[in-house]
Amino acid sequence: GGLGAWTEPRCPVASISSTTITMAQPCWNNSTKRVLRTDGSGRTY
């Protein structure tokens, strides 16, 4: 349900240190940075 109740996205890990998990790109950006419209609708493009 990560990107909507009808979805099940998956992202690989790039690396892990003792306190940091870095996710693989471009999956992470594509799953966390979808751009909001500027019309005040609160929806992505």
PDB file of all heavy atoms in Angstrom:
ATOM      1  N   GLY A   1       0.802  -1.219   0.000  1.00  0.00           N
ATOM      2  CA  GLY A   1       0.000   0.000   0.000  1.00  0.00           C
ATOM      3  C   GLY A   1       0.830   1.262   0.000  1.00  0.00           C
ATOM      4  O   GLY A   1       0.301   2.357   0.248  1.00  0.00           O
ATOM      5  N   GLY A   2       2.108   1.163  -0.323  1.00  0.00           N
ATOM      6  CA  GLY A   2       3.030   2.277  -0.114  1.00  0.00           C
ATOM      7  C   GLY A   2       2.791   3.499  -0.960  1.00  0.00           C
ATOM      8  O   GLY A   2       3.103   4.614  -0.546  1.00  0.00           O
ATOM      9  N   LEU A   3       2.271   3.342  -2.167  1.00  0.00           N
ATOM     10  CA  LEU A   3       2.004   4.494  -3.036  1.00  0.00           C
ATOM     11  C   LEU A   3       0.534   4.554  -3.444  1.00  0.00           C
ATOM     12  O   LEU A   3       0.179   5.077  -4.486  1.00  0.00           O
ATOM     13  CB  LEU A   3       2.917   4.440  -4.269  1.00  0.00           C
ATOM     14  CG  LEU A   3       4.382   4.770  -3.965  1.00  0.00           C
ATOM     15  CD1 LEU A   3       5.291   4.367  -5.124  1.00  0.00           C
ATOM     16  CD2 LEU A   3       4.555   6.259  -3.653  1.00  0.00           C
ATOM     17  N   GLY A   4      -0.311   4.017  -2.598  1.00  0.00           N
ATOM     18  CA  GLY A   4      -1.743   3.908  -2.833  1.00  0.00           C
ATOM     19  C   GLY A   4      -2.192   2.531  -2.400  1.00  0.00           C
ATOM     20  O   GLY A   4      -1.420   1.567  -2.446  1.00  0.00           O
ATOM     21  N   ALA A   5      -3.439   2.405  -1.985  1.00  0.00           N
ATOM     22  CA  ALA A   5      -3.929   1.145  -1.429  1.00  0.00           C
ATOM     23  C   ALA A   5      -3.881   0.003  -2.432  1.00  0.00           C
ATOM     24  O   ALA A   5      -3.988  -1.161  -2.044  1.00  0.00           O
ATOM     25  CB  ALA A   5      -5.368   1.332  -0.943  1.00  0.00           C
ATOM     26  N   TRP A   6      -3.726   0.318  -3.714  1.00  0.00           N
ATOM     27  CA  TRP A   6      -3.698  -0.675  -4.788  1.00  0.00           C
ATOM     28  C   TRP A   6      -2.262  -1.035  -5.202  1.00  0.00           C
ATOM     29  O   TRP A   6      -2.072  -1.768  -6.160  1.00  0.00           O
ATOM     30  CB  TRP A   6      -4.463  -0.130  -6.000  1.00  0.00           C
ATOM     31  CG  TRP A   6      -3.901   1.188  -6.476  1.00  0.00           C
ATOM     32  CD1 TRP A   6      -2.975   1.389  -7.454  1.00  0.00           C
ATOM     33  CD2 TRP A   6      -4.216   2.499  -5.973  1.00  0.00           C
ATOM     34  NE1 TRP A   6      -2.677   2.724  -7.596  1.00  0.00           N
ATOM     35  CE2 TRP A   6      -3.437   3.429  -6.700  1.00  0.00           C
ATOM     36  CE3 TRP A   6      -5.076   2.959  -4.986  1.00  0.00           C
ATOM     37  CZ2 TRP A   6      -3.504   4.796  -6.459  1.00  0.00           C
ATOM     38  CZ3 TRP A   6      -5.138   4.327  -4.752  1.00  0.00           C
ATOM     39  CH2 TRP A   6      -4.369   5.235  -5.481  1.00  0.00           C
ATOM     40  N   THR A   7      -1.269  -0.496  -4.525  1.00  0.00           N
ATOM     41  CA  THR A   7       0.126  -0.667  -4.939  1.00  0.00           C
ATOM     42  C   THR A   7       0.932  -1.467  -3.919  1.00  0.00           C
ATOM     43  O   THR A   7       0.576  -1.542  -2.741  1.00  0.00           O
ATOM     44  CB  THR A   7       0.810   0.692  -5.142  1.00  0.00           C
ATOM     45  OG1 THR A   7       0.946   1.335  -3.859  1.00  0.00           O
ATOM     46  CG2 THR A   7       0.032   1.580  -6.094  1.00  0.00           C
ATOM     47  N   GLU A   8       2.036  -2.003  -4.373  1.00  0.00           N
ATOM     48  CA  GLU A   8       3.006  -2.644  -3.494  1.00  0.00           C
ATOM     49  C   GLU A   8       4.407  -2.402  -4.064  1.00  0.00           C
ATOM     50  O   GLU A   8       5.026  -3.299  -4.633  1.00  0.00           O
ATOM     51  CB  GLU A   8       2.723  -4.136  -3.351  1.00  0.00           C
ATOM     52  CG  GLU A   8       3.533  -4.769  -2.227  1.00  0.00           C
ATOM     53  CD  GLU A   8       3.211  -6.243  -2.039  1.00  0.00           C
ATOM     54  OE1 GLU A   8       3.374  -7.013  -3.015  1.00  0.00           O
ATOM     55  OE2 GLU A   8       2.782  -6.617  -0.933  1.00  0.00           O
ATOM     56  N   PRO A   9       4.900  -1.162  -3.934  1.00  0.00           N
ATOM     57  CA  PRO A   9       6.222  -0.852  -4.473  1.00  0.00           C
ATOM     58  C   PRO A   9       7.333  -1.577  -3.728  1.00  0.00           C
ATOM     59  O   PRO A   9       7.167  -2.005  -2.585  1.00  0.00           O
ATOM     60  CB  PRO A   9       6.336   0.664  -4.292  1.00  0.00           C
ATOM     61  CG  PRO A   9       5.371   0.994  -3.194  1.00  0.00           C
ATOM     62  CD  PRO A   9       4.258   0.003  -3.316  1.00  0.00           C
ATOM     63  N   ARG A  10       8.473  -1.689  -4.415  1.00  0.00           N
ATOM     64  CA  ARG A  10       9.657  -2.346  -3.860  1.00  0.00           C
ATOM     65  C   ARG A  10      10.880  -1.526  -4.262  1.00  0.00           C
ATOM     66  O   ARG A  10      10.999  -1.115  -5.417  1.00  0.00           O
ATOM     67  CB  ARG A  10       9.826  -3.754  -4.442  1.00  0.00           C
ATOM     68  CG  ARG A  10       8.696  -4.719  -4.104  1.00  0.00           C
ATOM     69  CD  ARG A  10       8.713  -5.940  -5.015  1.00  0.00           C
ATOM     70  NE  ARG A  10       7.787  -6.965  -4.525  1.00  0.00           N
ATOM     71  CZ  ARG A  10       8.126  -7.973  -3.746  1.00  0.00           C
ATOM     72  NH1 ARG A  10       9.404  -8.121  -3.380  1.00  0.00           N
ATOM     73  NH2 ARG A  10       7.238  -8.855  -3.343  1.00  0.00           N
ATOM     74  N   CYS A  11      11.779  -1.318  -3.325  1.00  0.00           N
ATOM     75  CA  CYS A  11      13.025  -0.618  -3.634  1.00  0.00           C
ATOM     76  C   CYS A  11      14.209  -1.377  -3.051  1.00  0.00           C
ATOM     77  O   CYS A  11      14.173  -1.778  -1.871  1.00  0.00           O
ATOM     78  CB  CYS A  11      13.020   0.804  -3.081  1.00  0.00           C
ATOM     79  SG  CYS A  11      12.204   2.015  -4.146  1.00  0.00           S
ATOM     80  N   PRO A  12      15.249  -1.581  -3.852  1.00  0.00           N
ATOM     81  CA  PRO A  12      16.452  -2.225  -3.325  1.00  0.00           C
ATOM     82  C   PRO A  12      17.250  -1.277  -2.432  1.00  0.00           C
ATOM     83  O   PRO A  12      17.165  -0.053  -2.539  1.00  0.00           O
ATOM     84  CB  PRO A  12      17.250  -2.568  -4.587  1.00  0.00           C
ATOM     85  CG  PRO A  12      16.313  -2.388  -5.733  1.00  0.00           C
ATOM     86  CD  PRO A  12      15.325  -1.365  -5.297  1.00  0.00           C
ATOM     87  N   VAL A  13      18.030  -1.868  -1.563  1.00  0.00           N
ATOM     88  CA  VAL A  13      18.981  -1.131  -0.733  1.00  0.00           C
ATOM     89  C   VAL A  13      20.273  -0.956  -1.510  1.00  0.00           C
ATOM     90  O   VAL A  13      20.708  -1.868  -2.228  1.00  0.00           O
ATOM     91  CB  VAL A  13      19.233  -1.896   0.587  1.00  0.00           C
ATOM     92  CG1 VAL A  13      20.418  -1.315   1.350  1.00  0.00           C
ATOM     93  CG2 VAL A  13      17.968  -1.890   1.440  1.00  0.00           C
ATOM     94  N   ALA A  14      20.900   0.203  -1.393  1.00  0.00           N
ATOM     95  CA  ALA A  14      22.213   0.423  -2.019  1.00  0.00           C
ATOM     96  C   ALA A  14      23.338   0.060  -1.062  1.00  0.00           C
ATOM     97  O   ALA A  14      24.293  -0.621  -1.435  1.00  0.00           O
ATOM     98  CB  ALA A  14      22.343   1.871  -2.483  1.00  0.00           C
ATOM     99  N   SER A  15      23.231   0.524   0.205  1.00  0.00           N
ATOM    100  CA  SER A  15      24.279   0.225   1.191  1.00  0.00           C
ATOM    101  C   SER A  15      23.711   0.430   2.589  1.00  0.00           C
ATOM    102  O   SER A  15      22.707   1.129   2.776  1.00  0.00           O
ATOM    103  CB  SER A  15      25.505   1.122   0.987  1.00  0.00           C
ATOM    104  OG  SER A  15      25.172   2.486   1.200  1.00  0.00           O
ATOM    105  N   ILE A  16      24.369  -0.188   3.581  1.00  0.00           N
ATOM    106  CA  ILE A  16      23.964  -0.057   4.975  1.00  0.00           C
ATOM    107  C   ILE A  16      25.209   0.113   5.835  1.00  0.00           C
ATOM    108  O   ILE A  16      26.176  -0.652   5.712  1.00  0.00           O
ATOM    109  CB  ILE A  16      23.183  -1.297   5.462  1.00  0.00           C
ATOM    110  CG1 ILE A  16      21.945  -1.541   4.590  1.00  0.00           C
ATOM    111  CG2 ILE A  16      22.768  -1.145   6.920  1.00  0.00           C
ATOM    112  CD1 ILE A  16      21.167  -2.788   4.961  1.00  0.00           C
ATOM    113  N   SER A  17      25.183   1.133   6.668  1.00  0.00           N
ATOM    114  CA  SER A  17      26.210   1.292   7.696  1.00  0.00           C
ATOM    115  C   SER A  17      25.526   1.150   9.055  1.00  0.00           C
ATOM    116  O   SER A  17      24.331   0.851   9.126  1.00  0.00           O
ATOM    117  CB  SER A  17      26.900   2.649   7.569  1.00  0.00           C
ATOM    118  OG  SER A  17      26.006   3.702   7.891  1.00  0.00           O
ATOM    119  N   SER A  18      26.241   1.404  10.121  1.00  0.00           N
ATOM    120  CA  SER A  18      25.675   1.168  11.451  1.00  0.00           C
ATOM    121  C   SER A  18      24.450   2.023  11.732  1.00  0.00           C
ATOM    122  O   SER A  18      23.557   1.618  12.484  1.00  0.00           O
ATOM    123  CB  SER A  18      26.734   1.419  12.529  1.00  0.00           C
ATOM    124  OG  SER A  18      27.173   2.767  12.480  1.00  0.00           O
ATOM    125  N   THR A  19      24.370   3.217  11.152  1.00  0.00           N
ATOM    126  CA  THR A  19      23.224   4.094  11.427  1.00  0.00           C
ATOM    127  C   THR A  19      22.560   4.646  10.171  1.00  0.00           C
ATOM    128  O   THR A  19      21.646   5.463  10.274  1.00  0.00           O
ATOM    129  CB  THR A  19      23.664   5.291  12.294  1.00  0.00           C
ATOM    130  OG1 THR A  19      24.696   6.017  11.603  1.00  0.00           O
ATOM    131  CG2 THR A  19      24.165   4.823  13.649  1.00  0.00           C
ATOM    132  N   THR A  20      22.975   4.222   8.992  1.00  0.00           N
ATOM    133  CA  THR A  20      22.458   4.794   7.746  1.00  0.00           C
ATOM    134  C   THR A  20      22.116   3.688   6.745  1.00  0.00           C
ATOM    135  O   THR A  20      22.943   2.813   6.475  1.00  0.00           O
ATOM    136  CB  THR A  20      23.467   5.756   7.106  1.00  0.00           C
ATOM    137  OG1 THR A  20      23.789   6.789   8.043  1.00  0.00           O
ATOM    138  CG2 THR A  20      22.891   6.388   5.841  1.00  0.00           C
ATOM    139  N   ILE A  21      20.923   3.768   6.215  1.00  0.00           N
ATOM    140  CA  ILE A  21      20.510   2.902   5.107  1.00  0.00           C
ATOM    141  C   ILE A  21      20.326   3.793   3.890  1.00  0.00           C
ATOM    142  O   ILE A  21      19.481   4.693   3.887  1.00  0.00           O
ATOM    143  CB  ILE A  21      19.202   2.167   5.420  1.00  0.00           C
ATOM    144  CG1 ILE A  21      19.338   1.310   6.674  1.00  0.00           C
ATOM    145  CG2 ILE A  21      18.771   1.298   4.231  1.00  0.00           C
ATOM    146  CD1 ILE A  21      18.016   0.720   7.152  1.00  0.00           C
ATOM    147  N   THR A  22      21.122   3.571   2.872  1.00  0.00           N
ATOM    148  CA  THR A  22      21.006   4.327   1.622  1.00  0.00           C
ATOM    149  C   THR A  22      20.263   3.468   0.604  1.00  0.00           C
ATOM    150  O   THR A  22      20.670   2.331   0.334  1.00  0.00           O
ATOM    151  CB  THR A  22      22.389   4.709   1.077  1.00  0.00           C
ATOM    152  OG1 THR A  22      23.079   5.486   2.061  1.00  0.00           O
ATOM    153  CG2 THR A  22      22.250   5.516  -0.202  1.00  0.00           C
ATOM    154  N   MET A  23      19.188   4.005   0.066  1.00  0.00           N
ATOM    155  CA  MET A  23      18.370   3.254  -0.873  1.00  0.00           C
ATOM    156  C   MET A  23      18.867   3.445  -2.295  1.00  0.00           C
ATOM    157  O   MET A  23      19.504   4.452  -2.634  1.00  0.00           O
ATOM    158  CB  MET A  23      16.910   3.688  -0.755  1.00  0.00           C
ATOM    159  CG  MET A  23      16.309   3.470   0.623  1.00  0.00           C
ATOM    160  SD  MET A  23      16.302   1.733   1.133  1.00  0.00           S
ATOM    161  CE  MET A  23      15.099   1.044  -0.016  1.00  0.00           C
ATOM    162  N   ALA A  24      18.579   2.457  -3.149  1.00  0.00           N
ATOM    163  CA  ALA A  24      19.045   2.476  -4.538  1.00  0.00           C
ATOM    164  C   ALA A  24      18.306   3.541  -5.332  1.00  0.00           C
ATOM    165  O   ALA A  24      17.104   3.773  -5.149  1.00  0.00           O
ATOM    166  CB  ALA A  24      18.848   1.103  -5.172  1.00  0.00           C
ATOM    167  N   GLN A  25      19.038   4.167  -6.223  1.00  0.00           N
ATOM    168  CA  GLN A  25      18.484   5.153  -7.142  1.00  0.00           C
ATOM    169  C   GLN A  25      18.482   4.583  -8.561  1.00  0.00           C
ATOM    170  O   GLN A  25      19.357   3.813  -8.916  1.00  0.00           O
ATOM    171  CB  GLN A  25      19.306   6.444  -7.107  1.00  0.00           C
ATOM    172  CG  GLN A  25      19.317   7.149  -5.779  1.00  0.00           C
ATOM    173  CD  GLN A  25      17.986   7.811  -5.449  1.00  0.00           C
ATOM    174  OE1 GLN A  25      16.981   7.604  -6.130  1.00  0.00           O
ATOM    175  NE2 GLN A  25      17.974   8.604  -4.383  1.00  0.00           N
ATOM    176  N   PRO A  26      17.438   4.893  -9.342  1.00  0.00           N
ATOM    177  CA  PRO A  26      16.441   5.953  -9.126  1.00  0.00           C
ATOM    178  C   PRO A  26      15.174   5.505  -8.389  1.00  0.00           C
ATOM    179  O   PRO A  26      14.240   6.297  -8.268  1.00  0.00           O
ATOM    180  CB  PRO A  26      16.088   6.368 -10.542  1.00  0.00           C
ATOM    181  CG  PRO A  26      16.195   5.097 -11.328  1.00  0.00           C
ATOM    182  CD  PRO A  26      17.369   4.359 -10.734  1.00  0.00           C
ATOM    183  N   CYS A  27      15.118   4.259  -7.929  1.00  0.00           N
ATOM    184  CA  CYS A  27      13.878   3.786  -7.310  1.00  0.00           C
ATOM    185  C   CYS A  27      13.433   4.694  -6.169  1.00  0.00           C
ATOM    186  O   CYS A  27      12.250   5.035  -6.058  1.00  0.00           O
ATOM    187  CB  CYS A  27      14.044   2.353  -6.805  1.00  0.00           C
ATOM    188  SG  CYS A  27      12.509   1.639  -6.160  1.00  0.00           S
ATOM    189  N   TRP A  28      14.388   5.086  -5.328  1.00  0.00           N
ATOM    190  CA  TRP A  28      14.014   5.851  -4.143  1.00  0.00           C
ATOM    191  C   TRP A  28      13.420   7.210  -4.506  1.00  0.00           C
ATOM    192  O   TRP A  28      12.362   7.602  -3.996  1.00  0.00           O
ATOM    193  CB  TRP A  28      15.210   6.004  -3.209  1.00  0.00           C
ATOM    194  CG  TRP A  28      14.867   6.607  -1.888  1.00  0.00           C
ATOM    195  CD1 TRP A  28      15.298   7.803  -1.390  1.00  0.00           C
ATOM    196  CD2 TRP A  28      14.007   6.049  -0.880  1.00  0.00           C
ATOM    197  NE1 TRP A  28      14.772   8.034  -0.138  1.00  0.00           N
ATOM    198  CE2 TRP A  28      13.975   6.965   0.200  1.00  0.00           C
ATOM    199  CE3 TRP A  28      13.267   4.883  -0.791  1.00  0.00           C
ATOM    200  CZ2 TRP A  28      13.229   6.735   1.354  1.00  0.00           C
ATOM    201  CZ3 TRP A  28      12.525   4.650   0.363  1.00  0.00           C
ATOM    202  CH2 TRP A  28      12.520   5.566   1.422  1.00  0.00           C
ATOM    203  N   ASN A  29      14.085   7.940  -5.396  1.00  0.00           N
ATOM    204  CA  ASN A  29      13.539   9.234  -5.802  1.00  0.00           C
ATOM    205  C   ASN A  29      12.189   9.077  -6.498  1.00  0.00           C
ATOM    206  O   ASN A  29      11.255   9.861  -6.270  1.00  0.00           O
ATOM    207  CB  ASN A  29      14.512   9.958  -6.735  1.00  0.00           C
ATOM    208  CG  ASN A  29      15.655  10.625  -5.978  1.00  0.00           C
ATOM    209  OD1 ASN A  29      15.637  10.702  -4.746  1.00  0.00           O
ATOM    210  ND2 ASN A  29      16.655  11.086  -6.703  1.00  0.00           N
ATOM    211  N   ASN A  30      12.057   8.055  -7.351  1.00  0.00           N
ATOM    212  CA  ASN A  30      10.802   7.857  -8.072  1.00  0.00           C
ATOM    213  C   ASN A  30       9.658   7.482  -7.141  1.00  0.00           C
ATOM    214  O   ASN A  30       8.487   7.656  -7.494  1.00  0.00           O
ATOM    215  CB  ASN A  30      10.983   6.779  -9.143  1.00  0.00           C
ATOM    216  CG  ASN A  30      11.808   7.268 -10.317  1.00  0.00           C
ATOM    217  OD1 ASN A  30      11.903   8.469 -10.567  1.00  0.00           O
ATOM    218  ND2 ASN A  30      12.420   6.343 -11.040  1.00  0.00           N
ATOM    219  N   SER A  31      10.004   7.003  -5.953  1.00  0.00           N
ATOM    220  CA  SER A  31       8.982   6.580  -4.995  1.00  0.00           C
ATOM    221  C   SER A  31       8.766   7.565  -3.861  1.00  0.00           C
ATOM    222  O   SER A  31       7.858   7.365  -3.042  1.00  0.00           O
ATOM    223  CB  SER A  31       9.366   5.213  -4.401  1.00  0.00           C
ATOM    224  OG  SER A  31       9.529   4.253  -5.409  1.00  0.00           O
ATOM    225  N   THR A  32       9.575   8.614  -3.795  1.00  0.00           N
ATOM    226  CA  THR A  32       9.447   9.567  -2.684  1.00  0.00           C
ATOM    227  C   THR A  32       9.437  11.031  -3.111  1.00  0.00           C
ATOM    228  O   THR A  32       9.201  11.908  -2.280  1.00  0.00           O
ATOM    229  CB  THR A  32      10.608   9.388  -1.680  1.00  0.00           C
ATOM    230  OG1 THR A  32      11.859   9.631  -2.351  1.00  0.00           O
ATOM    231  CG2 THR A  32      10.608   7.984  -1.093  1.00  0.00           C
ATOM    232  N   LYS A  33       9.662  11.319  -4.391  1.00  0.00           N
ATOM    233  CA  LYS A  33       9.783  12.722  -4.815  1.00  0.00           C
ATOM    234  C   LYS A  33       8.849  13.084  -5.963  1.00  0.00           C
ATOM    235  O   LYS A  33       9.125  14.024  -6.715  1.00  0.00           O
ATOM    236  CB  LYS A  33      11.230  13.026  -5.212  1.00  0.00           C
ATOM    237  CG  LYS A  33      12.203  12.969  -4.048  1.00  0.00           C
ATOM    238  CD  LYS A  33      13.591  13.417  -4.465  1.00  0.00           C
ATOM    239  CE  LYS A  33      14.551  13.426  -3.284  1.00  0.00           C
ATOM    240  NZ  LYS A  33      15.906  13.885  -3.668  1.00  0.00           N
ATOM    241  N   ARG A  34       7.756  12.363  -6.100  1.00  0.00           N
ATOM    242  CA  ARG A  34       6.813  12.726  -7.148  1.00  0.00           C
ATOM    243  C   ARG A  34       6.331  14.160  -6.910  1.00  0.00           C
ATOM    244  O   ARG A  34       6.062  14.555  -5.774  1.00  0.00           O
ATOM    245  CB  ARG A  34       5.660  11.732  -7.187  1.00  0.00           C
ATOM    246  CG  ARG A  34       6.147  10.316  -7.512  1.00  0.00           C
ATOM    247  CD  ARG A  34       5.050   9.292  -7.585  1.00  0.00           C
ATOM    248  NE  ARG A  34       5.608   7.959  -7.783  1.00  0.00           N
ATOM    249  CZ  ARG A  34       4.891   6.849  -7.886  1.00  0.00           C
ATOM    250  NH1 ARG A  34       3.562   6.924  -7.784  1.00  0.00           N
ATOM    251  NH2 ARG A  34       5.474   5.684  -8.073  1.00  0.00           N
ATOM    252  N   VAL A  35       6.234  14.923  -7.978  1.00  0.00           N
ATOM    253  CA  VAL A  35       6.101  16.376  -7.864  1.00  0.00           C
ATOM    254  C   VAL A  35       4.642  16.788  -7.689  1.00  0.00           C
ATOM    255  O   VAL A  35       3.762  16.385  -8.453  1.00  0.00           O
ATOM    256  CB  VAL A  35       6.694  17.059  -9.107  1.00  0.00           C
ATOM    257  CG1 VAL A  35       6.586  18.584  -8.980  1.00  0.00           C
ATOM    258  CG2 VAL A  35       8.155  16.635  -9.291  1.00  0.00           C
ATOM    259  N   LEU A  36       4.397  17.629  -6.684  1.00  0.00           N
ATOM    260  CA  LEU A  36       3.054  18.138  -6.436  1.00  0.00           C
ATOM    261  C   LEU A  36       2.691  19.236  -7.427  1.00  0.00           C
ATOM    262  O   LEU A  36       3.532  20.074  -7.796  1.00  0.00           O
ATOM    263  CB  LEU A  36       2.936  18.684  -5.013  1.00  0.00           C
ATOM    264  CG  LEU A  36       2.904  17.655  -3.883  1.00  0.00           C
ATOM    265  CD1 LEU A  36       2.859  18.370  -2.549  1.00  0.00           C
ATOM    266  CD2 LEU A  36       1.707  16.725  -4.030  1.00  0.00           C
ATOM    267  N   ARG A  37       1.428  19.232  -7.847  1.00  0.00           N
ATOM    268  CA  ARG A  37       0.924  20.300  -8.691  1.00  0.00           C
ATOM    269  C   ARG A  37       0.927  21.618  -7.911  1.00  0.00           C
ATOM    270  O   ARG A  37       0.850  21.621  -6.678  1.00  0.00           O
ATOM    271  CB  ARG A  37      -0.502  19.982  -9.161  1.00  0.00           C
ATOM    272  CG  ARG A  37      -0.575  18.752 -10.061  1.00  0.00           C
ATOM    273  CD  ARG A  37      -2.015  18.422 -10.411  1.00  0.00           C
ATOM    274  NE  ARG A  37      -2.656  19.509 -11.136  1.00  0.00           N
ATOM    275  CZ  ARG A  37      -2.625  19.666 -12.457  1.00  0.00           C
ATOM    276  NH1 ARG A  37      -1.975  18.782 -13.203  1.00  0.00           N
ATOM    277  NH2 ARG A  37      -3.233  20.680 -13.036  1.00  0.00           N
ATOM    278  N   THR A  38       0.954  22.702  -8.640  1.00  0.00           N
ATOM    279  CA  THR A  38       0.994  24.025  -8.010  1.00  0.00           C
ATOM    280  C   THR A  38      -0.390  24.669  -7.923  1.00  0.00           C
ATOM    281  O   THR A  38      -0.516  25.851  -7.622  1.00  0.00           O
ATOM    282  CB  THR A  38       1.929  24.952  -8.809  1.00  0.00           C
ATOM    283  OG1 THR A  38       1.464  25.046 -10.168  1.00  0.00           O
ATOM    284  CG2 THR A  38       3.350  24.433  -8.794  1.00  0.00           C
ATOM    285  N   ASP A  39      -1.446  23.883  -8.198  1.00  0.00           N
ATOM    286  CA  ASP A  39      -2.805  24.446  -8.211  1.00  0.00           C
ATOM    287  C   ASP A  39      -3.505  24.322  -6.868  1.00  0.00           C
ATOM    288  O   ASP A  39      -4.701  24.633  -6.756  1.00  0.00           O
ATOM    289  CB  ASP A  39      -3.652  23.773  -9.295  1.00  0.00           C
ATOM    290  CG  ASP A  39      -3.717  22.257  -9.128  1.00  0.00           C
ATOM    291  OD1 ASP A  39      -3.228  21.749  -8.099  1.00  0.00           O
ATOM    292  OD2 ASP A  39      -4.237  21.589 -10.038  1.00  0.00           O
ATOM    293  N   GLY A  40      -2.782  23.865  -5.848  1.00  0.00           N
ATOM    294  CA  GLY A  40      -3.378  23.729  -4.531  1.00  0.00           C
ATOM    295  C   GLY A  40      -4.221  22.483  -4.350  1.00  0.00           C
ATOM    296  O   GLY A  40      -4.862  22.308  -3.301  1.00  0.00           O
ATOM    297  N   SER A  41      -4.233  21.592  -5.348  1.00  0.00           N
ATOM    298  CA  SER A  41      -5.045  20.373  -5.259  1.00  0.00           C
ATOM    299  C   SER A  41      -4.448  19.355  -4.303  1.00  0.00           C
ATOM    300  O   SER A  41      -5.151  18.434  -3.850  1.00  0.00           O
ATOM    301  CB  SER A  41      -5.194  19.734  -6.645  1.00  0.00           C
ATOM    302  OG  SER A  41      -3.921  19.285  -7.126  1.00  0.00           O
ATOM    303  N   GLY A  42      -3.156  19.500  -4.002  1.00  0.00           N
ATOM    304  CA  GLY A  42      -2.478  18.518  -3.163  1.00  0.00           C
ATOM    305  C   GLY A  42      -2.158  17.232  -3.886  1.00  0.00           C
ATOM    306  O   GLY A  42      -1.763  16.245  -3.260  1.00  0.00           O
ATOM    307  N   ARG A  43      -2.318  17.218  -5.209  1.00  0.00           N
ATOM    308  CA  ARG A  43      -2.071  16.017  -5.998  1.00  0.00           C
ATOM    309  C   ARG A  43      -0.767  16.137  -6.775  1.00  0.00           C
ATOM    310  O   ARG A  43      -0.313  17.241  -7.097  1.00  0.00           O
ATOM    311  CB  ARG A  43      -3.234  15.762  -6.969  1.00  0.00           C
ATOM    312  CG  ARG A  43      -4.565  15.541  -6.263  1.00  0.00           C
ATOM    313  CD  ARG A  43      -5.641  15.122  -7.246  1.00  0.00           C
ATOM    314  NE  ARG A  43      -6.934  14.903  -6.590  1.00  0.00           N
ATOM    315  CZ  ARG A  43      -7.290  13.789  -5.981  1.00  0.00           C
ATOM    316  NH1 ARG A  43      -6.428  12.773  -5.933  1.00  0.00           N
ATOM    317  NH2 ARG A  43      -8.474  13.671  -5.413  1.00  0.00           N
ATOM    318  N   THR A  44      -0.212  14.997  -7.086  1.00  0.00           N
ATOM    319  CA  THR A  44       0.990  14.993  -7.925  1.00  0.00           C
ATOM    320  C   THR A  44       0.595  15.199  -9.378  1.00  0.00           C
ATOM    321  O   THR A  44      -0.567  15.040  -9.764  1.00  0.00           O
ATOM    322  CB  THR A  44       1.734  13.656  -7.795  1.00  0.00           C
ATOM    323  OG1 THR A  44       0.914  12.619  -8.354  1.00  0.00           O
ATOM    324  CG2 THR A  44       2.056  13.338  -6.347  1.00  0.00           C
ATOM    325  N   TYR A  45       1.596  15.492 -10.204  1.00  0.00           N
ATOM    326  CA  TYR A  45       1.312  15.629 -11.628  1.00  0.00           C
ATOM    327  C   TYR A  45       0.906  14.299 -12.261  1.00  0.00           C
ATOM    328  O   TYR A  45       0.241  14.288 -13.290  1.00  0.00           O
ATOM    329  CB  TYR A  45       2.526  16.222 -12.358  1.00  0.00           C
ATOM    330  CG  TYR A  45       2.632  17.718 -12.177  1.00  0.00           C
ATOM    331  CD1 TYR A  45       3.584  18.277 -11.331  1.00  0.00           C
ATOM    332  CD2 TYR A  45       1.774  18.582 -12.852  1.00  0.00           C
ATOM    333  CE1 TYR A  45       3.679  19.648 -11.158  1.00  0.00           C
ATOM    334  CE2 TYR A  45       1.858  19.955 -12.683  1.00  0.00           C
ATOM    335  CZ  TYR A  45       2.812  20.487 -11.839  1.00  0.00           C
ATOM    336  OH  TYR A  45       2.898  21.857 -11.668  1.00  0.00           O
TER     337      TYR A  45
END
